[in-house]
Amino acid sequence: KNAWTDDAEFDFAHFGEVSQKAQRLMDDMIDLEIEKIDKILSKIETDPESTSVKQPEINLWNTVRAQAVNGRRTGLGITGIGDALAMLGITYGSKASIRMTESIYRELAVNSYVSSMIMAQERGAFAVHDPSREEDHPFLDRIFNAIDEAGGLNSITSREHNAKFGRRNIANTTTAPAGSV
């Protein structure tokens, strides 16, 4: 809000809403990916080559498909963080920029996990979800604590929600190397 002015501020509430919608879109992309993999596998099956010739490719695509189904990994990230800092009047690389960047990424992560947990309730958890394997997990503990600090999910804690419904995605966010971007 009010970019390039002394009153510039980052709208964390709006960013959180957009992050939740973006995570939902990323999950929808997994379904499209699985659909395309199924078409590739169908095409390979009708190819005239012998099964022994086709088998390595069939194995590869079945492995890719299994990974997509089992974990439903997404890669929600941020582009333009330097521009956002500049619009806020914060010098890139300063201590203030590091604090703001951490706050922005925290909001992204928390809201992507909120979205993933809501989708798990609606659509089901990722196939290999097992909350007992996530006990005392430092990253998830920070995420769940942050979700609860921000108001939680309905009337239960995020850990209770995760135990009951799971999450839709095993991993949600990523930061790609973008040196020249």
N, C-alpha and C. Protein backbone atom coordinates (compact mmCIF):
# COMPACT_ATOMS: atom_id res chain seq x y z
N LYS A 1 0.85 -1.17 0.00
CA LYS A 1 0.00 0.00 0.00
C LYS A 1 0.89 1.23 0.00
N ASN A 2 0.48 2.27 -0.75
CA ASN A 2 1.18 3.56 -0.78
C ASN A 2 2.65 3.42 -1.16
N ALA A 3 2.91 2.57 -2.16
CA ALA A 3 4.30 2.32 -2.59
C ALA A 3 5.02 3.62 -2.89
N TRP A 4 6.31 3.61 -2.59
CA TRP A 4 7.23 4.71 -2.87
C TRP A 4 6.93 5.98 -2.07
N THR A 5 6.16 5.87 -1.00
CA THR A 5 5.88 7.04 -0.16
C THR A 5 6.37 6.77 1.26
N ASP A 6 6.36 7.82 2.06
CA ASP A 6 6.73 7.65 3.48
C ASP A 6 5.69 6.84 4.23
N ASP A 7 4.48 6.69 3.65
CA ASP A 7 3.40 5.92 4.28
C ASP A 7 3.31 4.51 3.73
N ALA A 8 4.31 4.07 2.99
CA ALA A 8 4.28 2.73 2.38
C ALA A 8 4.20 1.66 3.47
N GLU A 9 3.40 0.65 3.19
CA GLU A 9 3.30 -0.49 4.12
C GLU A 9 2.95 -1.75 3.34
N PHE A 10 3.36 -2.87 3.88
CA PHE A 10 3.07 -4.17 3.27
C PHE A 10 1.74 -4.65 3.83
N ASP A 11 0.82 -5.00 2.97
CA ASP A 11 -0.52 -5.44 3.38
C ASP A 11 -0.49 -6.96 3.63
N PHE A 12 -0.11 -7.31 4.86
CA PHE A 12 0.04 -8.72 5.21
C PHE A 12 -1.29 -9.47 5.13
N ALA A 13 -2.39 -8.85 5.50
CA ALA A 13 -3.69 -9.53 5.46
C ALA A 13 -4.05 -9.90 4.03
N HIS A 14 -3.90 -8.96 3.11
CA HIS A 14 -4.21 -9.25 1.70
C HIS A 14 -3.25 -10.29 1.14
N PHE A 15 -1.97 -10.16 1.48
CA PHE A 15 -0.98 -11.12 1.02
C PHE A 15 -1.32 -12.53 1.52
N GLY A 16 -1.79 -12.64 2.76
CA GLY A 16 -2.20 -13.93 3.30
C GLY A 16 -3.35 -14.54 2.51
N GLU A 17 -4.33 -13.71 2.17
CA GLU A 17 -5.47 -14.20 1.37
C GLU A 17 -5.00 -14.68 0.00
N VAL A 18 -4.15 -13.89 -0.63
CA VAL A 18 -3.64 -14.27 -1.95
C VAL A 18 -2.81 -15.54 -1.86
N SER A 19 -2.01 -15.67 -0.80
CA SER A 19 -1.18 -16.86 -0.62
C SER A 19 -2.05 -18.11 -0.48
N GLN A 20 -3.16 -18.00 0.24
CA GLN A 20 -4.06 -19.16 0.38
C GLN A 20 -4.67 -19.54 -0.97
N LYS A 21 -5.08 -18.55 -1.74
CA LYS A 21 -5.64 -18.84 -3.07
C LYS A 21 -4.58 -19.43 -4.00
N ALA A 22 -3.37 -18.90 -3.91
CA ALA A 22 -2.29 -19.39 -4.76
C ALA A 22 -1.96 -20.85 -4.42
N GLN A 23 -1.99 -21.21 -3.13
CA GLN A 23 -1.74 -22.60 -2.74
C GLN A 23 -2.82 -23.51 -3.31
N ARG A 24 -4.04 -23.05 -3.29
CA ARG A 24 -5.15 -23.82 -3.85
C ARG A 24 -4.93 -24.03 -5.36
N LEU A 25 -4.49 -22.99 -6.03
CA LEU A 25 -4.19 -23.09 -7.46
C LEU A 25 -3.05 -24.07 -7.70
N MET A 26 -2.02 -24.00 -6.87
CA MET A 26 -0.89 -24.93 -7.01
C MET A 26 -1.34 -26.37 -6.83
N ASP A 27 -2.26 -26.61 -5.90
CA ASP A 27 -2.78 -27.96 -5.71
C ASP A 27 -3.58 -28.41 -6.93
N ASP A 28 -4.36 -27.51 -7.50
CA ASP A 28 -5.10 -27.83 -8.72
C ASP A 28 -4.14 -28.21 -9.85
N MET A 29 -2.98 -27.55 -9.88
CA MET A 29 -1.98 -27.85 -10.90
C MET A 29 -1.48 -29.29 -10.78
N ILE A 30 -1.41 -29.80 -9.56
CA ILE A 30 -1.00 -31.20 -9.37
C ILE A 30 -1.98 -32.12 -10.06
N ASP A 31 -3.29 -31.84 -9.92
CA ASP A 31 -4.29 -32.67 -10.60
C ASP A 31 -4.11 -32.62 -12.11
N LEU A 32 -3.82 -31.44 -12.64
CA LEU A 32 -3.59 -31.32 -14.08
C LEU A 32 -2.34 -32.08 -14.50
N GLU A 33 -1.31 -32.03 -13.66
CA GLU A 33 -0.08 -32.77 -13.95
C GLU A 33 -0.36 -34.27 -14.00
N ILE A 34 -1.11 -34.77 -13.04
CA ILE A 34 -1.44 -36.20 -13.01
C ILE A 34 -2.25 -36.58 -14.24
N GLU A 35 -3.18 -35.73 -14.62
CA GLU A 35 -3.99 -35.97 -15.82
C GLU A 35 -3.10 -36.08 -17.06
N LYS A 36 -2.13 -35.18 -17.20
CA LYS A 36 -1.22 -35.21 -18.35
C LYS A 36 -0.32 -36.44 -18.31
N ILE A 37 0.14 -36.82 -17.14
CA ILE A 37 0.96 -38.03 -17.02
C ILE A 37 0.15 -39.24 -17.46
N ASP A 38 -1.11 -39.32 -17.07
CA ASP A 38 -1.97 -40.43 -17.50
C ASP A 38 -2.10 -40.47 -19.02
N LYS A 39 -2.18 -39.31 -19.65
CA LYS A 39 -2.26 -39.26 -21.12
C LYS A 39 -0.95 -39.74 -21.75
N ILE A 40 0.17 -39.36 -21.15
CA ILE A 40 1.46 -39.81 -21.64
C ILE A 40 1.56 -41.33 -21.54
N LEU A 41 1.15 -41.87 -20.39
CA LEU A 41 1.20 -43.32 -20.21
C LEU A 41 0.29 -44.04 -21.20
N SER A 42 -0.89 -43.50 -21.46
CA SER A 42 -1.80 -44.09 -22.44
C SER A 42 -1.19 -44.08 -23.83
N LYS A 43 -0.54 -42.98 -24.16
CA LYS A 43 0.12 -42.87 -25.47
C LYS A 43 1.23 -43.89 -25.59
N ILE A 44 2.04 -44.04 -24.56
CA ILE A 44 3.15 -45.00 -24.59
C ILE A 44 2.61 -46.42 -24.78
N GLU A 45 1.51 -46.72 -24.10
CA GLU A 45 0.92 -48.06 -24.22
C GLU A 45 0.50 -48.39 -25.65
N THR A 46 0.08 -47.38 -26.41
CA THR A 46 -0.36 -47.62 -27.79
C THR A 46 0.77 -47.51 -28.80
N ASP A 47 1.96 -47.13 -28.36
CA ASP A 47 3.10 -47.07 -29.27
C ASP A 47 3.40 -48.46 -29.82
N PRO A 48 3.93 -48.54 -31.03
CA PRO A 48 4.14 -49.85 -31.67
C PRO A 48 5.34 -50.63 -31.13
N GLU A 49 6.23 -49.98 -30.37
CA GLU A 49 7.41 -50.68 -29.87
C GLU A 49 7.01 -51.80 -28.90
N SER A 50 7.95 -52.71 -28.73
CA SER A 50 7.70 -53.82 -27.80
C SER A 50 7.67 -53.29 -26.36
N THR A 51 7.07 -54.06 -25.48
CA THR A 51 7.00 -53.68 -24.07
C THR A 51 8.39 -53.50 -23.48
N SER A 52 9.33 -54.35 -23.85
CA SER A 52 10.68 -54.24 -23.30
C SER A 52 11.34 -52.92 -23.68
N VAL A 53 11.03 -52.40 -24.85
CA VAL A 53 11.57 -51.11 -25.28
C VAL A 53 10.88 -49.97 -24.53
N LYS A 54 9.58 -50.11 -24.32
CA LYS A 54 8.79 -49.05 -23.68
C LYS A 54 8.92 -49.04 -22.16
N GLN A 55 9.32 -50.17 -21.57
CA GLN A 55 9.28 -50.31 -20.12
C GLN A 55 10.06 -49.24 -19.35
N PRO A 56 11.27 -48.86 -19.78
CA PRO A 56 11.97 -47.80 -19.02
C PRO A 56 11.17 -46.50 -18.96
N GLU A 57 10.54 -46.12 -20.06
CA GLU A 57 9.75 -44.90 -20.07
C GLU A 57 8.49 -45.06 -19.22
N ILE A 58 7.87 -46.21 -19.29
CA ILE A 58 6.69 -46.49 -18.46
C ILE A 58 7.07 -46.39 -16.99
N ASN A 59 8.20 -46.99 -16.63
CA ASN A 59 8.66 -46.94 -15.23
C ASN A 59 8.91 -45.50 -14.79
N LEU A 60 9.56 -44.72 -15.64
CA LEU A 60 9.83 -43.33 -15.32
C LEU A 60 8.55 -42.56 -15.04
N TRP A 61 7.57 -42.64 -15.95
CA TRP A 61 6.34 -41.88 -15.79
C TRP A 61 5.49 -42.40 -14.63
N ASN A 62 5.54 -43.69 -14.35
CA ASN A 62 4.83 -44.21 -13.18
C ASN A 62 5.45 -43.70 -11.88
N THR A 63 6.78 -43.55 -11.88
CA THR A 63 7.46 -43.00 -10.70
C THR A 63 7.09 -41.53 -10.51
N VAL A 64 7.09 -40.77 -11.58
CA VAL A 64 6.71 -39.35 -11.51
C VAL A 64 5.28 -39.24 -11.01
N ARG A 65 4.39 -40.07 -11.54
CA ARG A 65 2.98 -40.04 -11.14
C ARG A 65 2.83 -40.37 -9.66
N ALA A 66 3.51 -41.42 -9.21
CA ALA A 66 3.42 -41.82 -7.80
C ALA A 66 3.87 -40.70 -6.88
N GLN A 67 4.94 -40.01 -7.24
CA GLN A 67 5.42 -38.89 -6.42
C GLN A 67 4.39 -37.77 -6.37
N ALA A 68 3.77 -37.49 -7.51
CA ALA A 68 2.75 -36.44 -7.56
C ALA A 68 1.56 -36.80 -6.68
N VAL A 69 1.12 -38.05 -6.75
CA VAL A 69 -0.04 -38.50 -5.98
C VAL A 69 0.29 -38.60 -4.50
N ASN A 70 1.42 -39.21 -4.18
CA ASN A 70 1.74 -39.49 -2.77
C ASN A 70 2.00 -38.24 -1.94
N GLY A 71 2.67 -37.25 -2.51
CA GLY A 71 3.03 -36.08 -1.71
C GLY A 71 2.36 -34.79 -2.12
N ARG A 72 1.93 -34.70 -3.36
CA ARG A 72 1.29 -33.49 -3.88
C ARG A 72 2.13 -32.25 -3.58
N ARG A 73 3.45 -32.34 -3.86
CA ARG A 73 4.37 -31.23 -3.61
C ARG A 73 4.05 -30.05 -4.51
N THR A 74 4.06 -28.87 -3.92
CA THR A 74 3.90 -27.65 -4.70
C THR A 74 5.14 -26.79 -4.50
N GLY A 75 5.23 -25.71 -5.23
CA GLY A 75 6.39 -24.86 -5.13
C GLY A 75 6.04 -23.39 -5.08
N LEU A 76 5.13 -23.04 -4.20
CA LEU A 76 4.71 -21.65 -4.06
C LEU A 76 5.90 -20.81 -3.58
N GLY A 77 6.15 -19.71 -4.26
CA GLY A 77 7.27 -18.87 -3.90
C GLY A 77 6.98 -17.41 -4.16
N ILE A 78 8.02 -16.62 -4.10
CA ILE A 78 7.88 -15.17 -4.23
C ILE A 78 8.81 -14.67 -5.32
N THR A 79 8.30 -13.80 -6.15
CA THR A 79 9.11 -13.09 -7.14
C THR A 79 8.99 -11.60 -6.84
N GLY A 80 10.07 -10.89 -6.91
CA GLY A 80 10.02 -9.44 -6.75
C GLY A 80 10.18 -8.94 -5.33
N ILE A 81 10.82 -9.72 -4.47
CA ILE A 81 10.98 -9.29 -3.09
C ILE A 81 11.82 -8.01 -3.01
N GLY A 82 12.84 -7.90 -3.87
CA GLY A 82 13.66 -6.69 -3.88
C GLY A 82 12.85 -5.46 -4.27
N ASP A 83 11.96 -5.64 -5.26
CA ASP A 83 11.09 -4.53 -5.67
C ASP A 83 10.14 -4.15 -4.54
N ALA A 84 9.61 -5.15 -3.86
CA ALA A 84 8.70 -4.85 -2.74
C ALA A 84 9.42 -4.06 -1.65
N LEU A 85 10.64 -4.46 -1.35
CA LEU A 85 11.41 -3.74 -0.34
C LEU A 85 11.66 -2.30 -0.78
N ALA A 86 12.00 -2.13 -2.05
CA ALA A 86 12.23 -0.77 -2.56
C ALA A 86 10.96 0.07 -2.46
N MET A 87 9.82 -0.51 -2.80
CA MET A 87 8.56 0.22 -2.71
C MET A 87 8.23 0.62 -1.29
N LEU A 88 8.75 -0.16 -0.33
CA LEU A 88 8.54 0.15 1.08
C LEU A 88 9.57 1.13 1.61
N GLY A 89 10.56 1.46 0.78
CA GLY A 89 11.61 2.38 1.21
C GLY A 89 12.66 1.71 2.06
N ILE A 90 12.80 0.40 1.92
CA ILE A 90 13.77 -0.36 2.72
C ILE A 90 14.96 -0.72 1.83
N THR A 91 16.15 -0.45 2.30
CA THR A 91 17.36 -0.74 1.54
C THR A 91 17.60 -2.24 1.50
N TYR A 92 17.74 -2.76 0.29
CA TYR A 92 18.00 -4.19 0.11
C TYR A 92 19.30 -4.57 0.81
N GLY A 93 19.25 -5.65 1.59
CA GLY A 93 20.43 -6.13 2.31
C GLY A 93 20.59 -5.56 3.70
N SER A 94 19.79 -4.56 4.05
CA SER A 94 19.87 -3.98 5.40
C SER A 94 19.22 -4.92 6.41
N LYS A 95 19.46 -4.66 7.67
CA LYS A 95 18.81 -5.47 8.71
C LYS A 95 17.29 -5.36 8.62
N ALA A 96 16.81 -4.16 8.29
CA ALA A 96 15.36 -3.97 8.14
C ALA A 96 14.82 -4.81 6.98
N SER A 97 15.61 -4.93 5.91
CA SER A 97 15.15 -5.74 4.76
C SER A 97 15.11 -7.22 5.12
N ILE A 98 16.05 -7.64 5.93
CA ILE A 98 16.07 -9.05 6.35
C ILE A 98 14.86 -9.34 7.23
N ARG A 99 14.55 -8.45 8.15
CA ARG A 99 13.37 -8.63 9.02
C ARG A 99 12.09 -8.65 8.18
N MET A 100 11.96 -7.73 7.23
CA MET A 100 10.76 -7.68 6.40
C MET A 100 10.66 -8.91 5.52
N THR A 101 11.76 -9.32 4.93
CA THR A 101 11.76 -10.52 4.08
C THR A 101 11.33 -11.74 4.90
N GLU A 102 11.85 -11.87 6.10
CA GLU A 102 11.45 -12.98 6.97
C GLU A 102 9.96 -12.91 7.29
N SER A 103 9.44 -11.73 7.53
CA SER A 103 8.01 -11.57 7.82
C SER A 103 7.15 -11.95 6.62
N ILE A 104 7.58 -11.53 5.43
CA ILE A 104 6.83 -11.85 4.22
C ILE A 104 6.84 -13.36 3.97
N TYR A 105 8.01 -13.97 4.07
CA TYR A 105 8.09 -15.42 3.85
C TYR A 105 7.32 -16.20 4.92
N ARG A 106 7.34 -15.70 6.14
CA ARG A 106 6.57 -16.35 7.21
C ARG A 106 5.08 -16.33 6.85
N GLU A 107 4.60 -15.18 6.38
CA GLU A 107 3.19 -15.06 6.00
C GLU A 107 2.85 -16.00 4.86
N LEU A 108 3.75 -16.11 3.89
CA LEU A 108 3.55 -17.03 2.77
C LEU A 108 3.44 -18.47 3.28
N ALA A 109 4.39 -18.87 4.09
CA ALA A 109 4.41 -20.26 4.58
C ALA A 109 3.18 -20.57 5.43
N VAL A 110 2.88 -19.71 6.37
CA VAL A 110 1.75 -19.95 7.26
C VAL A 110 0.46 -20.06 6.46
N ASN A 111 0.24 -19.15 5.55
CA ASN A 111 -1.01 -19.17 4.80
C ASN A 111 -1.07 -20.29 3.78
N SER A 112 0.06 -20.69 3.23
CA SER A 112 0.02 -21.84 2.33
C SER A 112 -0.34 -23.11 3.10
N TYR A 113 0.15 -23.23 4.33
CA TYR A 113 -0.18 -24.40 5.14
C TYR A 113 -1.63 -24.35 5.63
N VAL A 114 -2.12 -23.18 5.96
CA VAL A 114 -3.54 -23.05 6.31
C VAL A 114 -4.39 -23.53 5.14
N SER A 115 -4.07 -23.06 3.95
CA SER A 115 -4.81 -23.45 2.76
C SER A 115 -4.73 -24.96 2.53
N SER A 116 -3.55 -25.52 2.69
CA SER A 116 -3.36 -26.96 2.49
C SER A 116 -4.18 -27.76 3.50
N MET A 117 -4.26 -27.26 4.73
CA MET A 117 -5.03 -27.97 5.76
C MET A 117 -6.53 -27.86 5.50
N ILE A 118 -6.97 -26.72 5.03
CA ILE A 118 -8.39 -26.57 4.68
C ILE A 118 -8.73 -27.49 3.51
N MET A 119 -7.85 -27.52 2.50
CA MET A 119 -8.10 -28.40 1.35
C MET A 119 -8.09 -29.87 1.74
N ALA A 120 -7.27 -30.25 2.71
CA ALA A 120 -7.26 -31.64 3.16
C ALA A 120 -8.62 -32.01 3.72
N GLN A 121 -9.23 -31.09 4.43
CA GLN A 121 -10.56 -31.34 4.98
C GLN A 121 -11.58 -31.48 3.84
N GLU A 122 -11.43 -30.70 2.79
CA GLU A 122 -12.36 -30.72 1.66
C GLU A 122 -12.09 -31.85 0.68
N ARG A 123 -10.80 -32.09 0.38
CA ARG A 123 -10.42 -32.97 -0.73
C ARG A 123 -9.67 -34.23 -0.30
N GLY A 124 -9.20 -34.24 0.93
CA GLY A 124 -8.39 -35.35 1.41
C GLY A 124 -6.92 -34.97 1.52
N ALA A 125 -6.22 -35.66 2.40
CA ALA A 125 -4.80 -35.40 2.64
C ALA A 125 -3.95 -36.05 1.57
N PHE A 126 -2.69 -35.63 1.49
CA PHE A 126 -1.76 -36.30 0.57
C PHE A 126 -1.66 -37.76 1.00
N ALA A 127 -1.43 -38.63 0.03
CA ALA A 127 -1.58 -40.08 0.22
C ALA A 127 -0.76 -40.67 1.36
N VAL A 128 0.44 -40.19 1.58
CA VAL A 128 1.29 -40.80 2.60
C VAL A 128 1.29 -40.01 3.92
N HIS A 129 0.29 -39.17 4.12
CA HIS A 129 0.23 -38.38 5.35
C HIS A 129 0.10 -39.29 6.57
N ASP A 130 0.95 -39.06 7.56
CA ASP A 130 0.92 -39.81 8.81
C ASP A 130 1.37 -38.86 9.92
N PRO A 131 0.41 -38.30 10.67
CA PRO A 131 0.78 -37.30 11.69
C PRO A 131 1.74 -37.83 12.76
N SER A 132 1.76 -39.13 12.99
CA SER A 132 2.68 -39.67 13.99
C SER A 132 4.14 -39.51 13.55
N ARG A 133 4.38 -39.45 12.25
CA ARG A 133 5.75 -39.27 11.73
C ARG A 133 6.19 -37.81 11.81
N GLU A 134 5.26 -36.92 12.15
CA GLU A 134 5.56 -35.50 12.18
C GLU A 134 5.66 -34.93 13.60
N GLU A 135 5.59 -35.80 14.58
CA GLU A 135 5.71 -35.33 15.96
C GLU A 135 7.10 -34.76 16.19
N ASP A 136 7.16 -33.66 16.91
CA ASP A 136 8.43 -32.99 17.23
C ASP A 136 9.22 -32.62 15.97
N HIS A 137 8.52 -32.25 14.92
CA HIS A 137 9.16 -31.81 13.67
C HIS A 137 9.36 -30.30 13.78
N PRO A 138 10.61 -29.83 13.86
CA PRO A 138 10.86 -28.41 14.12
C PRO A 138 10.17 -27.45 13.15
N PHE A 139 10.22 -27.75 11.85
CA PHE A 139 9.60 -26.85 10.88
C PHE A 139 8.09 -26.83 11.05
N LEU A 140 7.47 -28.00 11.11
CA LEU A 140 6.01 -28.05 11.25
C LEU A 140 5.58 -27.49 12.59
N ASP A 141 6.37 -27.69 13.64
CA ASP A 141 6.03 -27.09 14.94
C ASP A 141 5.97 -25.57 14.82
N ARG A 142 6.94 -24.97 14.11
CA ARG A 142 6.92 -23.51 13.93
C ARG A 142 5.69 -23.09 13.12
N ILE A 143 5.37 -23.85 12.08
CA ILE A 143 4.21 -23.52 11.24
C ILE A 143 2.94 -23.62 12.08
N PHE A 144 2.75 -24.74 12.77
CA PHE A 144 1.53 -24.93 13.57
C PHE A 144 1.41 -23.87 14.65
N ASN A 145 2.52 -23.53 15.32
CA ASN A 145 2.48 -22.48 16.34
C ASN A 145 2.08 -21.14 15.72
N ALA A 146 2.63 -20.83 14.57
CA ALA A 146 2.30 -19.57 13.90
C ALA A 146 0.83 -19.53 13.47
N ILE A 147 0.32 -20.65 12.99
CA ILE A 147 -1.10 -20.72 12.61
C ILE A 147 -1.97 -20.46 13.83
N ASP A 148 -1.64 -21.11 14.93
CA ASP A 148 -2.44 -20.93 16.15
C ASP A 148 -2.33 -19.51 16.69
N GLU A 149 -1.14 -18.92 16.62
CA GLU A 149 -0.96 -17.53 17.06
C GLU A 149 -1.80 -16.57 16.22
N ALA A 150 -1.98 -16.92 14.94
CA ALA A 150 -2.73 -16.05 14.02
C ALA A 150 -4.24 -16.29 14.10
N GLY A 151 -4.68 -17.20 14.94
CA GLY A 151 -6.11 -17.43 15.08
C GLY A 151 -6.54 -18.85 14.80
N GLY A 152 -5.64 -19.65 14.30
CA GLY A 152 -5.92 -21.07 14.12
C GLY A 152 -6.91 -21.41 13.02
N LEU A 153 -7.38 -22.62 13.08
CA LEU A 153 -8.32 -23.17 12.12
C LEU A 153 -9.58 -23.57 12.87
N ASN A 154 -10.64 -22.83 12.63
CA ASN A 154 -11.92 -23.11 13.29
C ASN A 154 -11.75 -23.13 14.80
N SER A 155 -12.25 -24.14 15.45
CA SER A 155 -12.22 -24.16 16.92
C SER A 155 -11.20 -25.15 17.48
N ILE A 156 -10.36 -25.73 16.62
CA ILE A 156 -9.35 -26.67 17.11
C ILE A 156 -7.96 -26.15 16.74
N THR A 157 -6.95 -26.66 17.43
CA THR A 157 -5.59 -26.23 17.12
C THR A 157 -5.17 -26.80 15.76
N SER A 158 -4.14 -26.22 15.21
CA SER A 158 -3.66 -26.70 13.92
C SER A 158 -3.13 -28.13 14.02
N ARG A 159 -2.53 -28.48 15.15
CA ARG A 159 -2.06 -29.86 15.33
C ARG A 159 -3.23 -30.84 15.37
N GLU A 160 -4.30 -30.45 16.05
CA GLU A 160 -5.49 -31.31 16.09
C GLU A 160 -6.11 -31.42 14.70
N HIS A 161 -6.14 -30.32 13.99
CA HIS A 161 -6.68 -30.32 12.63
C HIS A 161 -5.83 -31.22 11.72
N ASN A 162 -4.51 -31.11 11.86
CA ASN A 162 -3.59 -31.94 11.07
C ASN A 162 -3.77 -33.41 11.41
N ALA A 163 -3.96 -33.72 12.68
CA ALA A 163 -4.15 -35.11 13.08
C ALA A 163 -5.46 -35.67 12.55
N LYS A 164 -6.48 -34.83 12.51
CA LYS A 164 -7.81 -35.28 12.08
C LYS A 164 -7.95 -35.32 10.56
N PHE A 165 -7.47 -34.28 9.87
CA PHE A 165 -7.70 -34.17 8.43
C PHE A 165 -6.42 -34.25 7.60
N GLY A 166 -5.28 -33.96 8.21
CA GLY A 166 -4.02 -33.94 7.48
C GLY A 166 -3.81 -32.63 6.75
N ARG A 167 -2.92 -32.69 5.79
CA ARG A 167 -2.66 -31.56 4.89
C ARG A 167 -2.80 -32.10 3.47
N ARG A 168 -3.10 -31.26 2.57
CA ARG A 168 -3.26 -31.67 1.18
C ARG A 168 -1.91 -31.88 0.50
N ASN A 169 -0.88 -31.18 1.00
CA ASN A 169 0.43 -31.18 0.35
C ASN A 169 1.53 -31.46 1.36
N ILE A 170 2.46 -32.32 0.96
CA ILE A 170 3.57 -32.66 1.86
C ILE A 170 4.55 -31.50 2.00
N ALA A 171 4.71 -30.71 0.95
CA ALA A 171 5.59 -29.54 0.95
C ALA A 171 4.94 -28.47 0.08
N ASN A 172 5.01 -27.24 0.52
CA ASN A 172 4.25 -26.18 -0.14
C ASN A 172 5.10 -25.12 -0.82
N THR A 173 6.17 -24.70 -0.20
CA THR A 173 6.88 -23.52 -0.69
C THR A 173 8.28 -23.87 -1.19
N THR A 174 8.80 -22.99 -2.01
CA THR A 174 10.17 -23.14 -2.48
C THR A 174 10.69 -21.77 -2.90
N THR A 175 11.98 -21.61 -2.88
CA THR A 175 12.59 -20.41 -3.41
C THR A 175 13.60 -20.85 -4.46
N ALA A 176 13.27 -20.55 -5.69
CA ALA A 176 14.14 -20.95 -6.80
C ALA A 176 15.35 -20.03 -6.86
N PRO A 177 16.45 -20.59 -7.31
CA PRO A 177 17.61 -19.71 -7.54
C PRO A 177 17.28 -18.77 -8.71
N ALA A 178 17.38 -17.50 -8.46
CA ALA A 178 16.98 -16.53 -9.48
C ALA A 178 18.01 -15.41 -9.56
N GLY A 179 19.26 -15.77 -9.62
CA GLY A 179 20.34 -14.79 -9.56
C GLY A 179 20.21 -13.61 -10.48
N SER A 180 19.91 -13.86 -11.75
CA SER A 180 19.85 -12.74 -12.69
C SER A 180 18.45 -12.18 -12.87
N VAL A 181 17.46 -12.78 -12.24
CA VAL A 181 16.09 -12.30 -12.38
C VAL A 181 15.91 -11.10 -11.51
